[in-house]
Amino acid sequence: MSNQSDIQQVELSLEQAKKVVALGDAIGRLENNRDFKKVVFDTYFNDEMLRLGGLLSDANMQKPADQQVLLDGLKAIGHLKQFLLARKHFADMARKELVDFQETLDEIRAEESDEENAE
């Protein structure tokens, strides 16, 4: 593989990592937003989950269709929460990789420069 191909691959990885970090940072800003925290974390992730869980044992909600609606609602809460947590985790990993990618890119460019100077 040529140095140019190596550089392109590392640059692509660097850009992808930056996008992952940017998404994680955006989620972090949302978590710090008072309104988002109230609506999503406090109300949806907590209150709504408890409400739906409580309805599972409600005598008026024992039809299979009603139970399925409640379970789907609980799954939706879990999916969103998992999505946010996973993206934050990926951002943490990508943040660490940014340094490695930049160092690799600098090394490849230095080698390329040394080769050009040797000619």
C-alpha atoms as a PDB file:
ATOM      1  CA  MET A   1       0.000   0.000   0.000  1.00  0.00           C
ATOM      2  CA  SER A   2       1.369   3.404  -0.889  1.00  0.00           C
ATOM      3  CA  ASN A   3       1.807   6.211   1.569  1.00  0.00           C
ATOM      4  CA  GLN A   4      -0.933   8.145  -0.235  1.00  0.00           C
ATOM      5  CA  SER A   5      -3.384   5.268   0.252  1.00  0.00           C
ATOM      6  CA  ASP A   6      -2.345   5.016   3.897  1.00  0.00           C
ATOM      7  CA  ILE A   7      -2.884   8.743   4.355  1.00  0.00           C
ATOM      8  CA  GLN A   8      -6.317   8.598   2.733  1.00  0.00           C
ATOM      9  CA  GLN A   9      -7.369   5.673   4.913  1.00  0.00           C
ATOM     10  CA  VAL A  10      -6.193   7.323   8.137  1.00  0.00           C
ATOM     11  CA  GLU A  11      -7.803  10.634   7.140  1.00  0.00           C
ATOM     12  CA  LEU A  12     -11.074   8.824   6.509  1.00  0.00           C
ATOM     13  CA  SER A  13     -10.856   7.101   9.897  1.00  0.00           C
ATOM     14  CA  LEU A  14     -10.042  10.443  11.516  1.00  0.00           C
ATOM     15  CA  GLU A  15     -13.089  12.105   9.931  1.00  0.00           C
ATOM     16  CA  GLN A  16     -15.370   9.232  10.946  1.00  0.00           C
ATOM     17  CA  ALA A  17     -14.085   9.407  14.513  1.00  0.00           C
ATOM     18  CA  LYS A  18     -14.709  13.165  14.572  1.00  0.00           C
ATOM     19  CA  LYS A  19     -18.329  12.589  13.516  1.00  0.00           C
ATOM     20  CA  VAL A  20     -18.823   9.998  16.251  1.00  0.00           C
ATOM     21  CA  VAL A  21     -17.310  12.375  18.823  1.00  0.00           C
ATOM     22  CA  ALA A  22     -19.515  15.241  17.575  1.00  0.00           C
ATOM     23  CA  LEU A  23     -22.640  13.106  18.050  1.00  0.00           C
ATOM     24  CA  GLY A  24     -21.535  12.139  21.557  1.00  0.00           C
ATOM     25  CA  ASP A  25     -20.886  15.788  22.357  1.00  0.00           C
ATOM     26  CA  ALA A  26     -24.356  16.693  21.072  1.00  0.00           C
ATOM     27  CA  ILE A  27     -25.902  14.060  23.338  1.00  0.00           C
ATOM     28  CA  GLY A  28     -23.902  15.476  26.235  1.00  0.00           C
ATOM     29  CA  ARG A  29     -25.278  18.951  25.537  1.00  0.00           C
ATOM     30  CA  LEU A  30     -28.795  17.534  25.444  1.00  0.00           C
ATOM     31  CA  GLU A  31     -28.235  15.846  28.794  1.00  0.00           C
ATOM     32  CA  ASN A  32     -27.222  19.186  30.253  1.00  0.00           C
ATOM     33  CA  ASN A  33     -30.253  20.967  28.818  1.00  0.00           C
ATOM     34  CA  ARG A  34     -32.789  21.449  31.610  1.00  0.00           C
ATOM     35  CA  ASP A  35     -35.822  21.023  29.329  1.00  0.00           C
ATOM     36  CA  PHE A  36     -34.467  17.924  27.604  1.00  0.00           C
ATOM     37  CA  LYS A  37     -33.590  16.408  30.956  1.00  0.00           C
ATOM     38  CA  LYS A  38     -37.089  17.121  32.283  1.00  0.00           C
ATOM     39  CA  VAL A  39     -38.899  15.767  29.227  1.00  0.00           C
ATOM     40  CA  VAL A  40     -36.737  12.791  28.280  1.00  0.00           C
ATOM     41  CA  PHE A  41     -34.799  11.673  31.333  1.00  0.00           C
ATOM     42  CA  ASP A  42     -37.224  12.507  34.109  1.00  0.00           C
ATOM     43  CA  THR A  43     -40.579  12.103  32.376  1.00  0.00           C
ATOM     44  CA  TYR A  44     -40.013   9.577  29.587  1.00  0.00           C
ATOM     45  CA  PHE A  45     -37.268   7.356  31.002  1.00  0.00           C
ATOM     46  CA  ASN A  46     -38.645   7.352  34.544  1.00  0.00           C
ATOM     47  CA  ASP A  47     -42.290   8.407  34.884  1.00  0.00           C
ATOM     48  CA  GLU A  48     -43.519   6.902  31.628  1.00  0.00           C
ATOM     49  CA  MET A  49     -41.635   3.667  32.232  1.00  0.00           C
ATOM     50  CA  LEU A  50     -43.218   3.356  35.687  1.00  0.00           C
ATOM     51  CA  ARG A  51     -46.666   4.212  34.307  1.00  0.00           C
ATOM     52  CA  LEU A  52     -46.449   1.608  31.549  1.00  0.00           C
ATOM     53  CA  GLY A  53     -45.040  -0.994  33.928  1.00  0.00           C
ATOM     54  CA  GLY A  54     -47.873  -0.353  36.353  1.00  0.00           C
ATOM     55  CA  LEU A  55     -50.455  -0.711  33.624  1.00  0.00           C
ATOM     56  CA  LEU A  56     -49.170  -4.191  32.826  1.00  0.00           C
ATOM     57  CA  SER A  57     -50.875  -5.432  35.989  1.00  0.00           C
ATOM     58  CA  ASP A  58     -54.015  -3.309  35.589  1.00  0.00           C
ATOM     59  CA  ALA A  59     -57.123  -5.490  35.303  1.00  0.00           C
ATOM     60  CA  ASN A  60     -58.432  -3.282  32.478  1.00  0.00           C
ATOM     61  CA  MET A  61     -55.272  -3.831  30.414  1.00  0.00           C
ATOM     62  CA  GLN A  62     -55.124  -7.622  30.256  1.00  0.00           C
ATOM     63  CA  LYS A  63     -56.155  -8.106  26.626  1.00  0.00           C
ATOM     64  CA  PRO A  64     -53.212  -9.364  24.563  1.00  0.00           C
ATOM     65  CA  ALA A  65     -53.404  -6.307  22.282  1.00  0.00           C
ATOM     66  CA  ASP A  66     -53.298  -3.954  25.280  1.00  0.00           C
ATOM     67  CA  GLN A  67     -50.406  -5.855  26.808  1.00  0.00           C
ATOM     68  CA  GLN A  68     -48.507  -5.685  23.516  1.00  0.00           C
ATOM     69  CA  VAL A  69     -48.982  -1.899  23.313  1.00  0.00           C
ATOM     70  CA  LEU A  70     -47.598  -1.538  26.831  1.00  0.00           C
ATOM     71  CA  LEU A  71     -44.647  -3.817  26.117  1.00  0.00           C
ATOM     72  CA  ASP A  72     -43.905  -1.946  22.887  1.00  0.00           C
ATOM     73  CA  GLY A  73     -43.899   1.318  24.840  1.00  0.00           C
ATOM     74  CA  LEU A  74     -41.475  -0.092  27.389  1.00  0.00           C
ATOM     75  CA  LYS A  75     -39.239  -1.407  24.609  1.00  0.00           C
ATOM     76  CA  ALA A  76     -39.247   2.008  22.928  1.00  0.00           C
ATOM     77  CA  ILE A  77     -38.033   3.628  26.133  1.00  0.00           C
ATOM     78  CA  GLY A  78     -35.304   1.027  26.461  1.00  0.00           C
ATOM     79  CA  HIS A  79     -34.236   1.411  22.836  1.00  0.00           C
ATOM     80  CA  LEU A  80     -33.881   5.174  23.057  1.00  0.00           C
ATOM     81  CA  LYS A  81     -32.008   4.994  26.343  1.00  0.00           C
ATOM     82  CA  GLN A  82     -29.670   2.324  24.952  1.00  0.00           C
ATOM     83  CA  PHE A  83     -29.139   4.337  21.771  1.00  0.00           C
ATOM     84  CA  LEU A  84     -28.059   7.406  23.724  1.00  0.00           C
ATOM     85  CA  LEU A  85     -25.804   5.441  26.068  1.00  0.00           C
ATOM     86  CA  ALA A  86     -24.186   3.510  23.217  1.00  0.00           C
ATOM     87  CA  ARG A  87     -23.505   6.653  21.178  1.00  0.00           C
ATOM     88  CA  LYS A  88     -21.882   8.301  24.197  1.00  0.00           C
ATOM     89  CA  HIS A  89     -19.738   5.200  24.721  1.00  0.00           C
ATOM     90  CA  PHE A  90     -18.740   5.131  21.049  1.00  0.00           C
ATOM     91  CA  ALA A  91     -17.831   8.827  21.296  1.00  0.00           C
ATOM     92  CA  ASP A  92     -15.590   8.143  24.295  1.00  0.00           C
ATOM     93  CA  MET A  93     -13.790   5.407  22.369  1.00  0.00           C
ATOM     94  CA  ALA A  94     -13.506   7.553  19.234  1.00  0.00           C
ATOM     95  CA  ARG A  95     -12.138  10.464  21.276  1.00  0.00           C
ATOM     96  CA  LYS A  96      -9.264   8.224  22.351  1.00  0.00           C
ATOM     97  CA  GLU A  97      -8.740   7.038  18.765  1.00  0.00           C
ATOM     98  CA  LEU A  98      -8.472  10.611  17.467  1.00  0.00           C
ATOM     99  CA  VAL A  99      -5.054  10.982  19.061  1.00  0.00           C
ATOM    100  CA  ASP A 100      -3.862   7.666  17.621  1.00  0.00           C
ATOM    101  CA  PHE A 101      -5.144   8.498  14.137  1.00  0.00           C
ATOM    102  CA  GLN A 102      -3.500  11.917  14.203  1.00  0.00           C
ATOM    103  CA  GLU A 103      -0.193  10.440  15.357  1.00  0.00           C
ATOM    104  CA  THR A 104      -0.344   7.787  12.635  1.00  0.00           C
ATOM    105  CA  LEU A 105      -1.125  10.420  10.026  1.00  0.00           C
ATOM    106  CA  ASP A 106       1.798  12.570  11.202  1.00  0.00           C
ATOM    107  CA  GLU A 107       4.141   9.557  11.073  1.00  0.00           C
ATOM    108  CA  ILE A 108       3.090   8.594   7.543  1.00  0.00           C
ATOM    109  CA  ARG A 109       3.478  12.160   6.330  1.00  0.00           C
ATOM    110  CA  ALA A 110       6.903  12.407   7.982  1.00  0.00           C
ATOM    111  CA  GLU A 111       7.993   9.180   6.259  1.00  0.00           C
ATOM    112  CA  GLU A 112       6.706  10.482   2.956  1.00  0.00           C
ATOM    113  CA  SER A 113       8.578  13.735   3.449  1.00  0.00           C
ATOM    114  CA  ASP A 114      11.773  11.864   4.363  1.00  0.00           C
ATOM    115  CA  GLU A 115      11.451   9.739   1.207  1.00  0.00           C
ATOM    116  CA  GLU A 116      10.960  12.827  -0.952  1.00  0.00           C
ATOM    117  CA  ASN A 117      14.001  14.532   0.615  1.00  0.00           C
ATOM    118  CA  ALA A 118      16.130  11.405   0.060  1.00  0.00           C
ATOM    119  CA  GLU A 119      15.411  11.485  -3.673  1.00  0.00           C
END
